[in-house]
All heavy atoms as atom14 arrays in JSON, in Angstrom:
{
  "sequence": "VEQLSAPQWHHSDPDLDEVDEIIQMAREVRSVPDAWKLRDEEPEHASN",
  "atom14_mask": [
    [1, 1, 1, 1, 1, 1, 1, 0, 0, 0, 0, 0, 0, 0],
    [1, 1, 1, 1, 1, 1, 1, 1, 1, 0, 0, 0, 0, 0],
    [1, 1, 1, 1, 1, 1, 1, 1, 1, 0, 0, 0, 0, 0],
    [1, 1, 1, 1, 1, 1, 1, 1, 0, 0, 0, 0, 0, 0],
    [1, 1, 1, 1, 1, 1, 0, 0, 0, 0, 0, 0, 0, 0],
    [1, 1, 1, 1, 1, 0, 0, 0, 0, 0, 0, 0, 0, 0],
    [1, 1, 1, 1, 1, 1, 1, 0, 0, 0, 0, 0, 0, 0],
    [1, 1, 1, 1, 1, 1, 1, 1, 1, 0, 0, 0, 0, 0],
    [1, 1, 1, 1, 1, 1, 1, 1, 1, 1, 1, 1, 1, 1],
    [1, 1, 1, 1, 1, 1, 1, 1, 1, 1, 0, 0, 0, 0],
    [1, 1, 1, 1, 1, 1, 1, 1, 1, 1, 0, 0, 0, 0],
    [1, 1, 1, 1, 1, 1, 0, 0, 0, 0, 0, 0, 0, 0],
    [1, 1, 1, 1, 1, 1, 1, 1, 0, 0, 0, 0, 0, 0],
    [1, 1, 1, 1, 1, 1, 1, 0, 0, 0, 0, 0, 0, 0],
    [1, 1, 1, 1, 1, 1, 1, 1, 0, 0, 0, 0, 0, 0],
    [1, 1, 1, 1, 1, 1, 1, 1, 0, 0, 0, 0, 0, 0],
    [1, 1, 1, 1, 1, 1, 1, 1, 0, 0, 0, 0, 0, 0],
    [1, 1, 1, 1, 1, 1, 1, 1, 1, 0, 0, 0, 0, 0],
    [1, 1, 1, 1, 1, 1, 1, 0, 0, 0, 0, 0, 0, 0],
    [1, 1, 1, 1, 1, 1, 1, 1, 0, 0, 0, 0, 0, 0],
    [1, 1, 1, 1, 1, 1, 1, 1, 1, 0, 0, 0, 0, 0],
    [1, 1, 1, 1, 1, 1, 1, 1, 0, 0, 0, 0, 0, 0],
    [1, 1, 1, 1, 1, 1, 1, 1, 0, 0, 0, 0, 0, 0],
    [1, 1, 1, 1, 1, 1, 1, 1, 1, 0, 0, 0, 0, 0],
    [1, 1, 1, 1, 1, 1, 1, 1, 0, 0, 0, 0, 0, 0],
    [1, 1, 1, 1, 1, 0, 0, 0, 0, 0, 0, 0, 0, 0],
    [1, 1, 1, 1, 1, 1, 1, 1, 1, 1, 1, 0, 0, 0],
    [1, 1, 1, 1, 1, 1, 1, 1, 1, 0, 0, 0, 0, 0],
    [1, 1, 1, 1, 1, 1, 1, 0, 0, 0, 0, 0, 0, 0],
    [1, 1, 1, 1, 1, 1, 1, 1, 1, 1, 1, 0, 0, 0],
    [1, 1, 1, 1, 1, 1, 0, 0, 0, 0, 0, 0, 0, 0],
    [1, 1, 1, 1, 1, 1, 1, 0, 0, 0, 0, 0, 0, 0],
    [1, 1, 1, 1, 1, 1, 1, 0, 0, 0, 0, 0, 0, 0],
    [1, 1, 1, 1, 1, 1, 1, 1, 0, 0, 0, 0, 0, 0],
    [1, 1, 1, 1, 1, 0, 0, 0, 0, 0, 0, 0, 0, 0],
    [1, 1, 1, 1, 1, 1, 1, 1, 1, 1, 1, 1, 1, 1],
    [1, 1, 1, 1, 1, 1, 1, 1, 1, 0, 0, 0, 0, 0],
    [1, 1, 1, 1, 1, 1, 1, 1, 0, 0, 0, 0, 0, 0],
    [1, 1, 1, 1, 1, 1, 1, 1, 1, 1, 1, 0, 0, 0],
    [1, 1, 1, 1, 1, 1, 1, 1, 0, 0, 0, 0, 0, 0],
    [1, 1, 1, 1, 1, 1, 1, 1, 1, 0, 0, 0, 0, 0],
    [1, 1, 1, 1, 1, 1, 1, 1, 1, 0, 0, 0, 0, 0],
    [1, 1, 1, 1, 1, 1, 1, 0, 0, 0, 0, 0, 0, 0],
    [1, 1, 1, 1, 1, 1, 1, 1, 1, 0, 0, 0, 0, 0],
    [1, 1, 1, 1, 1, 1, 1, 1, 1, 1, 0, 0, 0, 0],
    [1, 1, 1, 1, 1, 0, 0, 0, 0, 0, 0, 0, 0, 0],
    [1, 1, 1, 1, 1, 1, 0, 0, 0, 0, 0, 0, 0, 0],
    [1, 1, 1, 1, 1, 1, 1, 1, 0, 0, 0, 0, 0, 0]
  ],
  "atom14_positions": [
    [[0.83, -1.28, -0.05], [0.07, -0.03, 0.0], [0.92, 1.24, -0.02], [0.59, 2.2, -0.75], [-0.92, -0.03, 1.27], [-1.61, 1.3, 1.37], [-1.95, -1.13, 0.97], [0.0, 0.0, 0.0], [0.0, 0.0, 0.0], [0.0, 0.0, 0.0], [0.0, 0.0, 0.0], [0.0, 0.0, 0.0], [0.0, 0.0, 0.0], [0.0, 0.0, 0.0]],
    [[1.92, 1.22, 0.89], [2.91, 2.4, 0.85], [3.53, 2.75, -0.55], [3.62, 3.82, -1.05], [3.86, 2.22, 1.94], [4.89, 3.33, 2.05], [5.93, 3.14, 3.13], [5.54, 2.48, 4.13], [7.01, 3.7, 2.91], [0.0, 0.0, 0.0], [0.0, 0.0, 0.0], [0.0, 0.0, 0.0], [0.0, 0.0, 0.0], [0.0, 0.0, 0.0]],
    [[3.83, 1.56, -1.18], [4.56, 1.68, -2.45], [3.6, 2.2, -3.52], [3.9, 3.06, -4.3], [5.24, 0.33, -2.87], [5.84, 0.36, -4.11], [7.37, 1.01, -4.13], [7.81, 1.08, -2.94], [7.95, 1.38, -5.2], [0.0, 0.0, 0.0], [0.0, 0.0, 0.0], [0.0, 0.0, 0.0], [0.0, 0.0, 0.0], [0.0, 0.0, 0.0]],
    [[2.44, 1.58, -3.43], [1.45, 1.97, -4.52], [0.82, 3.39, -4.28], [0.18, 4.0, -5.13], [0.33, 1.02, -4.5], [0.53, -0.42, -5.14], [-0.51, -1.43, -4.91], [1.12, -0.21, -6.47], [0.0, 0.0, 0.0], [0.0, 0.0, 0.0], [0.0, 0.0, 0.0], [0.0, 0.0, 0.0], [0.0, 0.0, 0.0], [0.0, 0.0, 0.0]],
    [[1.19, 4.03, -3.15], [0.75, 5.43, -2.85], [1.62, 6.48, -3.6], [1.15, 7.58, -3.78], [0.82, 5.74, -1.33], [-0.15, 4.88, -0.77], [0.0, 0.0, 0.0], [0.0, 0.0, 0.0], [0.0, 0.0, 0.0], [0.0, 0.0, 0.0], [0.0, 0.0, 0.0], [0.0, 0.0, 0.0], [0.0, 0.0, 0.0], [0.0, 0.0, 0.0]],
    [[2.62, 5.98, -4.14], [3.59, 6.94, -4.8], [2.9, 7.31, -6.25], [2.23, 6.46, -6.84], [5.04, 6.24, -5.17], [0.0, 0.0, 0.0], [0.0, 0.0, 0.0], [0.0, 0.0, 0.0], [0.0, 0.0, 0.0], [0.0, 0.0, 0.0], [0.0, 0.0, 0.0], [0.0, 0.0, 0.0], [0.0, 0.0, 0.0], [0.0, 0.0, 0.0]],
    [[3.06, 8.46, -6.65], [2.42, 9.06, -7.91], [2.68, 8.18, -9.13], [2.11, 8.08, -9.98], [3.02, 10.37, -8.04], [3.43, 10.89, -6.64], [3.97, 9.58, -5.99], [0.0, 0.0, 0.0], [0.0, 0.0, 0.0], [0.0, 0.0, 0.0], [0.0, 0.0, 0.0], [0.0, 0.0, 0.0], [0.0, 0.0, 0.0], [0.0, 0.0, 0.0]],
    [[3.97, 7.59, -9.16], [4.38, 6.84, -10.45], [3.46, 5.75, -10.59], [3.35, 5.19, -11.79], [5.81, 6.49, -10.31], [5.96, 5.16, -9.22], [7.42, 4.96, -9.03], [8.2, 5.83, -8.83], [7.82, 3.57, -9.15], [0.0, 0.0, 0.0], [0.0, 0.0, 0.0], [0.0, 0.0, 0.0], [0.0, 0.0, 0.0], [0.0, 0.0, 0.0]],
    [[2.67, 5.22, -9.69], [1.9, 3.99, -9.95], [0.45, 4.43, -10.36], [-0.33, 3.49, -10.55], [1.87, 3.08, -8.58], [3.23, 2.75, -8.35], [4.01, 3.03, -7.4], [4.07, 1.77, -9.14], [5.22, 2.49, -7.34], [5.24, 1.65, -8.46], [3.73, 0.97, -10.25], [6.28, 0.8, -8.91], [4.79, 0.12, -10.71], [6.01, 0.05, -10.0]],
    [[0.06, 5.75, -10.26], [-1.28, 6.07, -10.56], [-1.26, 6.58, -12.1], [-0.41, 7.29, -12.51], [-1.74, 7.25, -9.66], [-1.87, 6.63, -8.24], [-3.14, 6.23, -7.79], [-1.09, 6.66, -7.2], [-2.97, 5.84, -6.55], [-1.68, 6.17, -6.24], [0.0, 0.0, 0.0], [0.0, 0.0, 0.0], [0.0, 0.0, 0.0], [0.0, 0.0, 0.0]],
    [[-2.3, 6.07, -12.74], [-2.43, 6.53, -14.1], [-3.17, 7.75, -14.34], [-4.08, 8.12, -13.5], [-3.2, 5.33, -14.89], [-3.04, 5.47, -16.3], [-3.66, 6.26, -17.07], [-2.33, 4.7, -17.2], [-3.42, 6.13, -18.38], [-2.59, 5.2, -18.46], [0.0, 0.0, 0.0], [0.0, 0.0, 0.0], [0.0, 0.0, 0.0], [0.0, 0.0, 0.0]],
    [[-2.79, 8.6, -15.24], [-3.5, 9.9, -15.4], [-5.03, 9.72, -15.85], [-5.8, 10.59, -15.48], [-2.82, 10.77, -16.5], [-2.75, 10.01, -17.71], [0.0, 0.0, 0.0], [0.0, 0.0, 0.0], [0.0, 0.0, 0.0], [0.0, 0.0, 0.0], [0.0, 0.0, 0.0], [0.0, 0.0, 0.0], [0.0, 0.0, 0.0], [0.0, 0.0, 0.0]],
    [[-5.35, 8.7, -16.44], [-6.75, 8.29, -16.72], [-7.38, 7.57, -15.62], [-6.96, 6.38, -15.37], [-6.69, 7.66, -18.08], [-8.2, 7.3, -18.49], [-9.11, 7.45, -17.69], [-8.39, 6.83, -19.63], [0.0, 0.0, 0.0], [0.0, 0.0, 0.0], [0.0, 0.0, 0.0], [0.0, 0.0, 0.0], [0.0, 0.0, 0.0], [0.0, 0.0, 0.0]],
    [[-8.32, 8.12, -14.86], [-8.91, 7.36, -13.73], [-9.44, 5.97, -14.16], [-9.48, 5.01, -13.25], [-10.03, 8.31, -13.23], [-9.69, 9.67, -13.77], [-8.88, 9.43, -15.1], [0.0, 0.0, 0.0], [0.0, 0.0, 0.0], [0.0, 0.0, 0.0], [0.0, 0.0, 0.0], [0.0, 0.0, 0.0], [0.0, 0.0, 0.0], [0.0, 0.0, 0.0]],
    [[-10.0, 5.83, -15.37], [-10.42, 4.47, -15.8], [-9.48, 3.52, -15.87], [-9.69, 2.23, -15.86], [-11.33, 4.68, -17.12], [-12.54, 5.44, -17.04], [-13.12, 5.51, -15.89], [-12.97, 6.15, -18.08], [0.0, 0.0, 0.0], [0.0, 0.0, 0.0], [0.0, 0.0, 0.0], [0.0, 0.0, 0.0], [0.0, 0.0, 0.0], [0.0, 0.0, 0.0]],
    [[-8.12, 3.98, -16.07], [-7.05, 2.92, -16.21], [-6.27, 2.78, -14.88], [-5.28, 1.88, -14.93], [-6.15, 3.4, -17.29], [-6.74, 3.41, -18.75], [-5.79, 3.97, -19.8], [-7.21, 1.96, -19.15], [0.0, 0.0, 0.0], [0.0, 0.0, 0.0], [0.0, 0.0, 0.0], [0.0, 0.0, 0.0], [0.0, 0.0, 0.0], [0.0, 0.0, 0.0]],
    [[-6.65, 3.56, -13.85], [-5.97, 3.49, -12.51], [-6.39, 2.3, -11.8], [-7.55, 2.35, -11.43], [-6.1, 4.69, -11.89], [-5.02, 4.83, -10.55], [-4.55, 3.83, -10.27], [-4.96, 5.94, -9.99], [0.0, 0.0, 0.0], [0.0, 0.0, 0.0], [0.0, 0.0, 0.0], [0.0, 0.0, 0.0], [0.0, 0.0, 0.0], [0.0, 0.0, 0.0]],
    [[-5.59, 1.24, -11.63], [-5.97, 0.02, -10.92], [-5.32, -0.18, -9.53], [-5.56, -1.19, -8.91], [-5.47, -1.09, -11.77], [-6.15, -1.17, -13.18], [-5.55, -2.24, -14.1], [-4.3, -2.63, -13.81], [-6.23, -2.79, -14.92], [0.0, 0.0, 0.0], [0.0, 0.0, 0.0], [0.0, 0.0, 0.0], [0.0, 0.0, 0.0], [0.0, 0.0, 0.0]],
    [[-4.85, 0.89, -9.05], [-4.26, 0.79, -7.74], [-5.2, 0.41, -6.58], [-4.89, -0.46, -5.86], [-3.48, 2.22, -7.37], [-3.09, 2.1, -5.77], [-2.39, 2.38, -8.27], [0.0, 0.0, 0.0], [0.0, 0.0, 0.0], [0.0, 0.0, 0.0], [0.0, 0.0, 0.0], [0.0, 0.0, 0.0], [0.0, 0.0, 0.0], [0.0, 0.0, 0.0]],
    [[-6.3, 0.89, -6.44], [-7.23, 0.64, -5.49], [-7.63, -0.79, -5.73], [-7.87, -1.52, -4.6], [-8.55, 1.55, -5.55], [-8.05, 2.94, -5.1], [-7.09, 3.13, -4.33], [-8.89, 3.88, -5.49], [0.0, 0.0, 0.0], [0.0, 0.0, 0.0], [0.0, 0.0, 0.0], [0.0, 0.0, 0.0], [0.0, 0.0, 0.0], [0.0, 0.0, 0.0]],
    [[-7.98, -1.28, -6.84], [-8.31, -2.66, -7.12], [-7.2, -3.6, -6.61], [-7.54, -4.67, -6.12], [-8.58, -2.77, -8.74], [-9.2, -4.11, -9.08], [-9.52, -4.28, -10.5], [-9.61, -3.12, -11.16], [-9.65, -5.3, -10.98], [0.0, 0.0, 0.0], [0.0, 0.0, 0.0], [0.0, 0.0, 0.0], [0.0, 0.0, 0.0], [0.0, 0.0, 0.0]],
    [[-6.02, -3.33, -7.04], [-4.8, -4.17, -6.55], [-4.7, -4.21, -5.0], [-4.59, -5.34, -4.38], [-3.43, -3.66, -7.17], [-3.64, -3.85, -8.69], [-2.42, -4.32, -6.46], [-2.39, -3.08, -9.38], [0.0, 0.0, 0.0], [0.0, 0.0, 0.0], [0.0, 0.0, 0.0], [0.0, 0.0, 0.0], [0.0, 0.0, 0.0], [0.0, 0.0, 0.0]],
    [[-4.92, -3.16, -4.38], [-4.95, -3.14, -2.95], [-5.99, -4.01, -2.23], [-5.83, -4.75, -1.35], [-4.99, -1.68, -2.34], [-3.61, -0.98, -2.64], [-5.22, -1.67, -0.84], [-3.75, 0.55, -2.51], [0.0, 0.0, 0.0], [0.0, 0.0, 0.0], [0.0, 0.0, 0.0], [0.0, 0.0, 0.0], [0.0, 0.0, 0.0], [0.0, 0.0, 0.0]],
    [[-7.18, -3.95, -2.98], [-8.31, -4.72, -2.44], [-8.07, -6.24, -2.64], [-8.3, -7.02, -1.84], [-9.62, -4.35, -3.16], [-10.91, -5.03, -2.73], [-11.13, -5.04, -1.28], [-11.01, -3.95, -0.71], [-11.58, -6.03, -0.71], [0.0, 0.0, 0.0], [0.0, 0.0, 0.0], [0.0, 0.0, 0.0], [0.0, 0.0, 0.0], [0.0, 0.0, 0.0]],
    [[-7.54, -6.55, -3.86], [-7.12, -7.92, -3.98], [-6.09, -8.44, -2.96], [-6.26, -9.53, -2.46], [-6.5, -8.21, -5.45], [-7.43, -8.0, -6.59], [-6.66, -8.28, -8.11], [-7.28, -6.95, -8.94], [0.0, 0.0, 0.0], [0.0, 0.0, 0.0], [0.0, 0.0, 0.0], [0.0, 0.0, 0.0], [0.0, 0.0, 0.0], [0.0, 0.0, 0.0]],
    [[-5.14, -7.63, -2.66], [-4.09, -7.9, -1.68], [-4.78, -8.23, -0.43], [-4.28, -9.21, 0.37], [-3.04, -6.96, -1.66], [0.0, 0.0, 0.0], [0.0, 0.0, 0.0], [0.0, 0.0, 0.0], [0.0, 0.0, 0.0], [0.0, 0.0, 0.0], [0.0, 0.0, 0.0], [0.0, 0.0, 0.0], [0.0, 0.0, 0.0], [0.0, 0.0, 0.0]],
    [[-5.66, -7.43, 0.04], [-6.27, -7.56, 1.25], [-7.17, -8.93, 1.46], [-7.36, -9.31, 2.5], [-7.32, -6.46, 1.55], [-6.59, -5.28, 1.84], [-7.55, -4.12, 2.4], [-6.67, -2.91, 2.83], [-6.78, -1.72, 2.27], [-7.83, -1.38, 1.42], [-6.01, -0.79, 2.7], [0.0, 0.0, 0.0], [0.0, 0.0, 0.0], [0.0, 0.0, 0.0]],
    [[-7.42, -9.41, 0.21], [-8.22, -10.7, 0.31], [-7.31, -11.89, 0.38], [-7.83, -13.02, 0.69], [-9.07, -10.89, -0.99], [-10.23, -9.88, -1.07], [-10.93, -9.94, -2.43], [-10.6, -10.88, -3.13], [-11.7, -8.98, -2.72], [0.0, 0.0, 0.0], [0.0, 0.0, 0.0], [0.0, 0.0, 0.0], [0.0, 0.0, 0.0], [0.0, 0.0, 0.0]],
    [[-6.06, -11.79, 0.34], [-5.06, -12.87, 0.63], [-5.0, -13.18, 1.99], [-4.5, -12.34, 2.84], [-3.66, -12.58, 0.0], [-2.6, -13.72, 0.26], [-3.81, -12.26, -1.57], [0.0, 0.0, 0.0], [0.0, 0.0, 0.0], [0.0, 0.0, 0.0], [0.0, 0.0, 0.0], [0.0, 0.0, 0.0], [0.0, 0.0, 0.0], [0.0, 0.0, 0.0]],
    [[-5.41, -14.33, 2.43], [-5.39, -14.69, 3.9], [-4.03, -15.2, 4.41], [-3.71, -15.1, 5.49], [-6.48, -15.7, 4.13], [-7.9, -15.34, 3.84], [-8.9, -16.5, 4.02], [-8.52, -17.66, 3.34], [-8.77, -18.04, 1.96], [-9.51, -17.17, 1.35], [-8.4, -19.17, 1.47], [0.0, 0.0, 0.0], [0.0, 0.0, 0.0], [0.0, 0.0, 0.0]],
    [[-3.26, -15.77, 3.43], [-2.03, -16.48, 3.88], [-1.06, -15.42, 4.12], [-0.86, -14.28, 3.52], [-1.57, -17.37, 2.87], [-2.59, -18.53, 2.54], [0.0, 0.0, 0.0], [0.0, 0.0, 0.0], [0.0, 0.0, 0.0], [0.0, 0.0, 0.0], [0.0, 0.0, 0.0], [0.0, 0.0, 0.0], [0.0, 0.0, 0.0], [0.0, 0.0, 0.0]],
    [[-0.03, -15.81, 5.03], [1.11, -14.88, 5.36], [2.29, -15.56, 4.94], [2.59, -16.79, 5.37], [1.19, -14.63, 6.93], [2.38, -13.88, 7.18], [-0.15, -14.06, 7.34], [0.0, 0.0, 0.0], [0.0, 0.0, 0.0], [0.0, 0.0, 0.0], [0.0, 0.0, 0.0], [0.0, 0.0, 0.0], [0.0, 0.0, 0.0], [0.0, 0.0, 0.0]],
    [[3.09, -15.09, 3.99], [4.33, -15.82, 3.51], [5.36, -15.82, 4.68], [5.4, -14.98, 5.58], [4.73, -14.98, 2.35], [4.19, -13.67, 2.62], [2.83, -13.86, 3.36], [0.0, 0.0, 0.0], [0.0, 0.0, 0.0], [0.0, 0.0, 0.0], [0.0, 0.0, 0.0], [0.0, 0.0, 0.0], [0.0, 0.0, 0.0], [0.0, 0.0, 0.0]],
    [[6.34, -16.69, 4.51], [7.46, -16.64, 5.5], [8.27, -15.39, 5.2], [8.83, -14.87, 6.2], [8.4, -17.89, 5.18], [7.81, -19.25, 5.49], [6.99, -19.25, 6.36], [8.26, -20.24, 4.88], [0.0, 0.0, 0.0], [0.0, 0.0, 0.0], [0.0, 0.0, 0.0], [0.0, 0.0, 0.0], [0.0, 0.0, 0.0], [0.0, 0.0, 0.0]],
    [[8.35, -14.89, 4.05], [9.05, -13.8, 3.82], [8.62, -13.1, 2.37], [7.99, -13.87, 1.71], [10.51, -13.77, 3.75], [0.0, 0.0, 0.0], [0.0, 0.0, 0.0], [0.0, 0.0, 0.0], [0.0, 0.0, 0.0], [0.0, 0.0, 0.0], [0.0, 0.0, 0.0], [0.0, 0.0, 0.0], [0.0, 0.0, 0.0], [0.0, 0.0, 0.0]],
    [[8.97, -11.79, 2.08], [8.58, -11.36, 0.91], [9.57, -10.25, 0.35], [10.39, -9.81, 1.16], [7.1, -10.61, 1.15], [7.17, -9.68, 2.18], [6.8, -9.9, 3.46], [7.43, -8.28, 2.14], [6.89, -8.85, 4.2], [7.38, -7.8, 3.43], [7.84, -7.37, 1.12], [7.46, -6.47, 3.8], [8.08, -6.14, 1.38], [7.9, -5.6, 2.66]],
    [[9.42, -9.93, -0.88], [10.28, -8.92, -1.46], [9.36, -7.95, -2.44], [8.36, -8.5, -3.06], [11.33, -9.41, -2.51], [12.54, -9.93, -1.82], [13.48, -10.25, -2.8], [14.68, -10.95, -2.25], [15.85, -11.3, -3.32], [0.0, 0.0, 0.0], [0.0, 0.0, 0.0], [0.0, 0.0, 0.0], [0.0, 0.0, 0.0], [0.0, 0.0, 0.0]],
    [[9.62, -6.75, -2.35], [8.85, -5.78, -3.17], [9.82, -4.98, -3.94], [10.75, -4.35, -3.32], [7.83, -4.97, -2.2], [6.86, -4.06, -2.97], [5.91, -4.9, -3.81], [6.11, -3.25, -1.9], [0.0, 0.0, 0.0], [0.0, 0.0, 0.0], [0.0, 0.0, 0.0], [0.0, 0.0, 0.0], [0.0, 0.0, 0.0], [0.0, 0.0, 0.0]],
    [[9.82, -4.95, -5.19], [10.8, -4.24, -5.97], [10.22, -3.57, -7.32], [9.27, -4.11, -7.75], [12.17, -5.14, -6.25], [11.85, -6.22, -7.19], [13.0, -7.08, -7.45], [12.56, -8.47, -7.97], [12.37, -8.64, -9.33], [12.51, -7.49, -10.08], [12.01, -9.73, -9.75], [0.0, 0.0, 0.0], [0.0, 0.0, 0.0], [0.0, 0.0, 0.0]],
    [[10.83, -2.54, -7.7], [10.41, -1.91, -8.95], [11.36, -2.59, -10.05], [12.43, -2.81, -9.92], [10.84, -0.42, -9.08], [9.97, 0.34, -8.08], [9.05, -0.07, -7.55], [10.4, 1.5, -7.88], [0.0, 0.0, 0.0], [0.0, 0.0, 0.0], [0.0, 0.0, 0.0], [0.0, 0.0, 0.0], [0.0, 0.0, 0.0], [0.0, 0.0, 0.0]],
    [[10.65, -2.78, -11.25], [11.32, -3.43, -12.43], [11.13, -2.4, -13.42], [10.13, -2.02, -13.72], [10.69, -4.73, -12.75], [11.37, -5.56, -13.84], [10.88, -6.94, -14.03], [11.28, -7.75, -13.27], [10.0, -7.09, -14.83], [0.0, 0.0, 0.0], [0.0, 0.0, 0.0], [0.0, 0.0, 0.0], [0.0, 0.0, 0.0], [0.0, 0.0, 0.0]],
    [[12.34, -2.1, -14.04], [12.31, -1.08, -15.12], [11.62, -1.53, -16.28], [11.72, -2.79, -16.67], [13.76, -0.86, -15.5], [14.53, 0.07, -14.47], [13.82, 1.39, -14.1], [13.29, 2.19, -15.01], [13.8, 1.65, -12.81], [0.0, 0.0, 0.0], [0.0, 0.0, 0.0], [0.0, 0.0, 0.0], [0.0, 0.0, 0.0], [0.0, 0.0, 0.0]],
    [[10.79, -0.71, -16.95], [10.12, -1.18, -18.14], [11.12, -1.43, -19.37], [12.2, -0.87, -19.29], [9.19, -0.06, -18.56], [9.88, 1.12, -17.9], [10.51, 0.73, -16.58], [0.0, 0.0, 0.0], [0.0, 0.0, 0.0], [0.0, 0.0, 0.0], [0.0, 0.0, 0.0], [0.0, 0.0, 0.0], [0.0, 0.0, 0.0], [0.0, 0.0, 0.0]],
    [[10.7, -2.34, -20.2], [11.62, -2.76, -21.38], [11.63, -1.6, -22.37], [12.7, -1.5, -23.01], [11.23, -4.01, -21.96], [11.31, -5.21, -21.12], [10.9, -6.44, -21.8], [10.68, -6.54, -22.98], [10.53, -7.49, -21.12], [0.0, 0.0, 0.0], [0.0, 0.0, 0.0], [0.0, 0.0, 0.0], [0.0, 0.0, 0.0], [0.0, 0.0, 0.0]],
    [[10.63, -0.81, -22.5], [10.56, 0.26, -23.47], [10.25, 1.46, -22.75], [9.47, 1.6, -21.71], [9.52, -0.09, -24.59], [9.76, -1.32, -25.27], [10.84, -1.56, -26.14], [8.99, -2.53, -25.13], [10.75, -2.91, -26.5], [9.6, -3.47, -25.96], [0.0, 0.0, 0.0], [0.0, 0.0, 0.0], [0.0, 0.0, 0.0], [0.0, 0.0, 0.0]],
    [[10.66, 2.52, -23.26], [10.49, 4.02, -22.61], [9.03, 4.28, -22.46], [8.55, 4.95, -21.58], [11.18, 4.93, -23.41], [0.0, 0.0, 0.0], [0.0, 0.0, 0.0], [0.0, 0.0, 0.0], [0.0, 0.0, 0.0], [0.0, 0.0, 0.0], [0.0, 0.0, 0.0], [0.0, 0.0, 0.0], [0.0, 0.0, 0.0], [0.0, 0.0, 0.0]],
    [[8.19, 3.84, -23.43], [6.73, 4.11, -23.39], [6.09, 3.2, -22.32], [4.9, 3.63, -21.98], [6.19, 3.97, -24.7], [6.26, 2.59, -25.04], [0.0, 0.0, 0.0], [0.0, 0.0, 0.0], [0.0, 0.0, 0.0], [0.0, 0.0, 0.0], [0.0, 0.0, 0.0], [0.0, 0.0, 0.0], [0.0, 0.0, 0.0], [0.0, 0.0, 0.0]],
    [[6.53, 2.12, -21.83], [5.99, 1.32, -20.91], [5.98, 1.91, -19.51], [6.85, 2.77, -19.17], [6.54, -0.1, -20.84], [6.39, -0.83, -22.1], [5.42, -0.57, -22.98], [7.06, -1.83, -22.21], [0.0, 0.0, 0.0], [0.0, 0.0, 0.0], [0.0, 0.0, 0.0], [0.0, 0.0, 0.0], [0.0, 0.0, 0.0], [0.0, 0.0, 0.0]]
  ]
}
């Protein structure tokens, strides 16, 4: 949630902004992993 709050993850078109939907999906995961990683991956193309 903290990472997705950054402006870079929000789309300028509200119809294409999926951040709230992703957060809701994450809240539905009941299981707790032993550990986790969260990282940014650079897009393959500048337009991505």
